[in-house]
N, C-alpha and C. Protein backbone atom coordinates (compact mmCIF):
# COMPACT_ATOMS: atom_id res chain seq x y z
N MET A 1 -18.73 -5.57 -12.84
CA MET A 1 -17.31 -5.37 -12.78
C MET A 1 -16.96 -4.18 -11.89
N ASP A 2 -17.79 -3.14 -11.93
CA ASP A 2 -17.52 -1.96 -11.10
C ASP A 2 -17.53 -2.33 -9.62
N ALA A 3 -18.50 -3.14 -9.21
CA ALA A 3 -18.59 -3.54 -7.81
C ALA A 3 -17.39 -4.39 -7.42
N PHE A 4 -16.98 -5.27 -8.33
CA PHE A 4 -15.81 -6.11 -8.05
C PHE A 4 -14.55 -5.26 -7.91
N ALA A 5 -14.38 -4.27 -8.79
CA ALA A 5 -13.23 -3.38 -8.72
C ALA A 5 -13.22 -2.60 -7.40
N GLU A 6 -14.39 -2.14 -6.96
CA GLU A 6 -14.48 -1.42 -5.68
C GLU A 6 -14.13 -2.34 -4.52
N LEU A 7 -14.56 -3.58 -4.58
CA LEU A 7 -14.23 -4.54 -3.53
C LEU A 7 -12.73 -4.80 -3.46
N ILE A 8 -12.10 -4.98 -4.60
CA ILE A 8 -10.65 -5.19 -4.64
C ILE A 8 -9.93 -3.98 -4.07
N GLU A 9 -10.36 -2.78 -4.45
CA GLU A 9 -9.74 -1.56 -3.94
C GLU A 9 -9.86 -1.47 -2.43
N ALA A 10 -11.02 -1.83 -1.89
CA ALA A 10 -11.24 -1.78 -0.45
C ALA A 10 -10.33 -2.78 0.27
N VAL A 11 -10.19 -3.96 -0.28
CA VAL A 11 -9.32 -4.98 0.33
C VAL A 11 -7.87 -4.49 0.36
N VAL A 12 -7.42 -3.91 -0.74
CA VAL A 12 -6.06 -3.39 -0.79
C VAL A 12 -5.89 -2.26 0.22
N ASP A 13 -6.88 -1.38 0.32
CA ASP A 13 -6.80 -0.29 1.29
C ASP A 13 -6.65 -0.82 2.71
N VAL A 14 -7.40 -1.85 3.04
CA VAL A 14 -7.37 -2.40 4.39
C VAL A 14 -6.04 -3.11 4.68
N HIS A 15 -5.48 -3.75 3.68
CA HIS A 15 -4.29 -4.58 3.89
C HIS A 15 -3.02 -4.01 3.27
N ALA A 16 -3.03 -2.76 2.82
CA ALA A 16 -1.89 -2.18 2.12
C ALA A 16 -0.63 -2.17 2.97
N ARG A 17 -0.75 -1.81 4.24
CA ARG A 17 0.43 -1.74 5.11
C ARG A 17 1.06 -3.13 5.25
N GLU A 18 0.25 -4.14 5.49
CA GLU A 18 0.78 -5.50 5.62
C GLU A 18 1.45 -5.95 4.32
N LEU A 19 0.84 -5.64 3.19
CA LEU A 19 1.41 -6.01 1.90
C LEU A 19 2.75 -5.31 1.70
N ALA A 20 2.82 -4.02 2.01
CA ALA A 20 4.07 -3.27 1.87
C ALA A 20 5.16 -3.87 2.77
N GLU A 21 4.79 -4.29 3.96
CA GLU A 21 5.75 -4.92 4.86
C GLU A 21 6.24 -6.24 4.29
N ARG A 22 5.32 -7.05 3.78
CA ARG A 22 5.68 -8.38 3.28
C ARG A 22 6.59 -8.35 2.07
N VAL A 23 6.47 -7.31 1.24
CA VAL A 23 7.34 -7.22 0.06
C VAL A 23 8.58 -6.39 0.35
N GLY A 24 8.76 -5.95 1.60
CA GLY A 24 9.97 -5.29 2.01
C GLY A 24 10.06 -3.80 1.72
N LEU A 25 8.94 -3.16 1.44
CA LEU A 25 8.97 -1.73 1.18
C LEU A 25 9.04 -0.91 2.45
N ILE A 26 8.52 -1.43 3.54
CA ILE A 26 8.59 -0.78 4.84
C ILE A 26 8.83 -1.85 5.90
N GLY A 27 9.33 -1.41 7.04
CA GLY A 27 9.52 -2.32 8.16
C GLY A 27 8.25 -2.39 8.99
N ALA A 28 8.13 -3.41 9.80
CA ALA A 28 6.93 -3.60 10.62
C ALA A 28 6.71 -2.45 11.59
N ASP A 29 7.80 -1.83 12.03
CA ASP A 29 7.68 -0.73 12.99
C ASP A 29 8.04 0.61 12.35
N SER A 30 7.98 0.68 11.03
CA SER A 30 8.38 1.87 10.30
C SER A 30 7.45 3.04 10.57
N ALA A 31 8.04 4.18 10.91
CA ALA A 31 7.27 5.40 11.11
C ALA A 31 7.96 6.56 10.40
N ALA A 32 8.80 6.23 9.44
CA ALA A 32 9.54 7.26 8.71
C ALA A 32 8.61 8.08 7.83
N PRO A 33 8.94 9.34 7.60
CA PRO A 33 8.13 10.18 6.72
C PRO A 33 7.94 9.49 5.36
N GLY A 34 6.73 9.58 4.84
CA GLY A 34 6.42 8.93 3.58
C GLY A 34 5.88 7.53 3.74
N HIS A 35 6.04 6.98 4.92
CA HIS A 35 5.54 5.63 5.16
C HIS A 35 4.16 5.65 5.79
N GLU A 36 3.87 6.66 6.54
CA GLU A 36 2.54 6.77 7.11
C GLU A 36 2.23 8.23 7.38
N VAL A 37 0.98 8.53 7.48
CA VAL A 37 0.54 9.91 7.69
C VAL A 37 -0.17 9.98 9.03
N GLY A 38 0.29 10.85 9.90
CA GLY A 38 -0.39 11.06 11.17
C GLY A 38 -0.34 9.89 12.12
N GLY A 39 0.55 8.93 11.88
CA GLY A 39 0.68 7.81 12.78
C GLY A 39 -0.49 6.84 12.75
N HIS A 40 -1.33 6.91 11.73
CA HIS A 40 -2.50 6.05 11.65
C HIS A 40 -2.30 4.85 10.75
N GLY A 41 -1.09 4.65 10.26
CA GLY A 41 -0.83 3.49 9.42
C GLY A 41 -1.21 3.70 7.96
N VAL A 42 -1.56 4.92 7.59
CA VAL A 42 -1.90 5.20 6.20
C VAL A 42 -0.61 5.36 5.43
N LEU A 43 -0.48 4.64 4.32
CA LEU A 43 0.75 4.71 3.54
C LEU A 43 0.84 6.05 2.82
N GLY A 44 2.05 6.57 2.74
CA GLY A 44 2.29 7.81 2.03
C GLY A 44 2.40 7.58 0.53
N ARG A 45 2.48 8.67 -0.20
CA ARG A 45 2.54 8.59 -1.67
C ARG A 45 3.77 7.83 -2.16
N GLU A 46 4.89 8.02 -1.48
CA GLU A 46 6.12 7.35 -1.92
C GLU A 46 5.97 5.83 -1.91
N VAL A 47 5.49 5.30 -0.80
CA VAL A 47 5.32 3.85 -0.68
C VAL A 47 4.22 3.38 -1.62
N GLY A 48 3.13 4.13 -1.71
CA GLY A 48 2.04 3.76 -2.62
C GLY A 48 2.51 3.70 -4.06
N GLY A 49 3.33 4.68 -4.45
CA GLY A 49 3.87 4.69 -5.80
C GLY A 49 4.79 3.51 -6.06
N ARG A 50 5.60 3.19 -5.07
CA ARG A 50 6.50 2.04 -5.21
C ARG A 50 5.73 0.73 -5.30
N MET A 51 4.63 0.64 -4.55
CA MET A 51 3.79 -0.57 -4.63
C MET A 51 3.15 -0.67 -6.02
N SER A 52 2.67 0.45 -6.54
CA SER A 52 2.06 0.44 -7.87
C SER A 52 3.06 -0.02 -8.92
N GLU A 53 4.29 0.48 -8.84
CA GLU A 53 5.33 0.06 -9.79
C GLU A 53 5.62 -1.43 -9.66
N LEU A 54 5.68 -1.91 -8.44
CA LEU A 54 6.01 -3.31 -8.20
C LEU A 54 4.94 -4.26 -8.73
N PHE A 55 3.68 -3.90 -8.53
CA PHE A 55 2.58 -4.81 -8.88
C PHE A 55 1.95 -4.56 -10.23
N ARG A 56 2.36 -3.49 -10.91
CA ARG A 56 1.78 -3.19 -12.22
C ARG A 56 2.22 -4.25 -13.22
N LYS A 57 1.26 -4.75 -13.97
CA LYS A 57 1.57 -5.73 -15.00
C LYS A 57 1.93 -4.99 -16.28
N THR A 58 2.97 -5.45 -16.93
CA THR A 58 3.34 -4.88 -18.21
C THR A 58 2.97 -5.86 -19.30
N VAL A 59 2.54 -5.33 -20.39
CA VAL A 59 2.09 -6.19 -21.50
C VAL A 59 3.19 -6.35 -22.49
């Protein structure tokens, strides 16, 4: 299970920007503060937090 969890995390890391774009959290050409760090396409904490809230399952 640990290896599977690491694989899922890696997939999300690689595709996080595309996922954020598809659910409307950022635009395709978004470069606003909080959306990426250093222009490398890394999502900022704000967008990451919003994604976590959106995809978190509630019981």
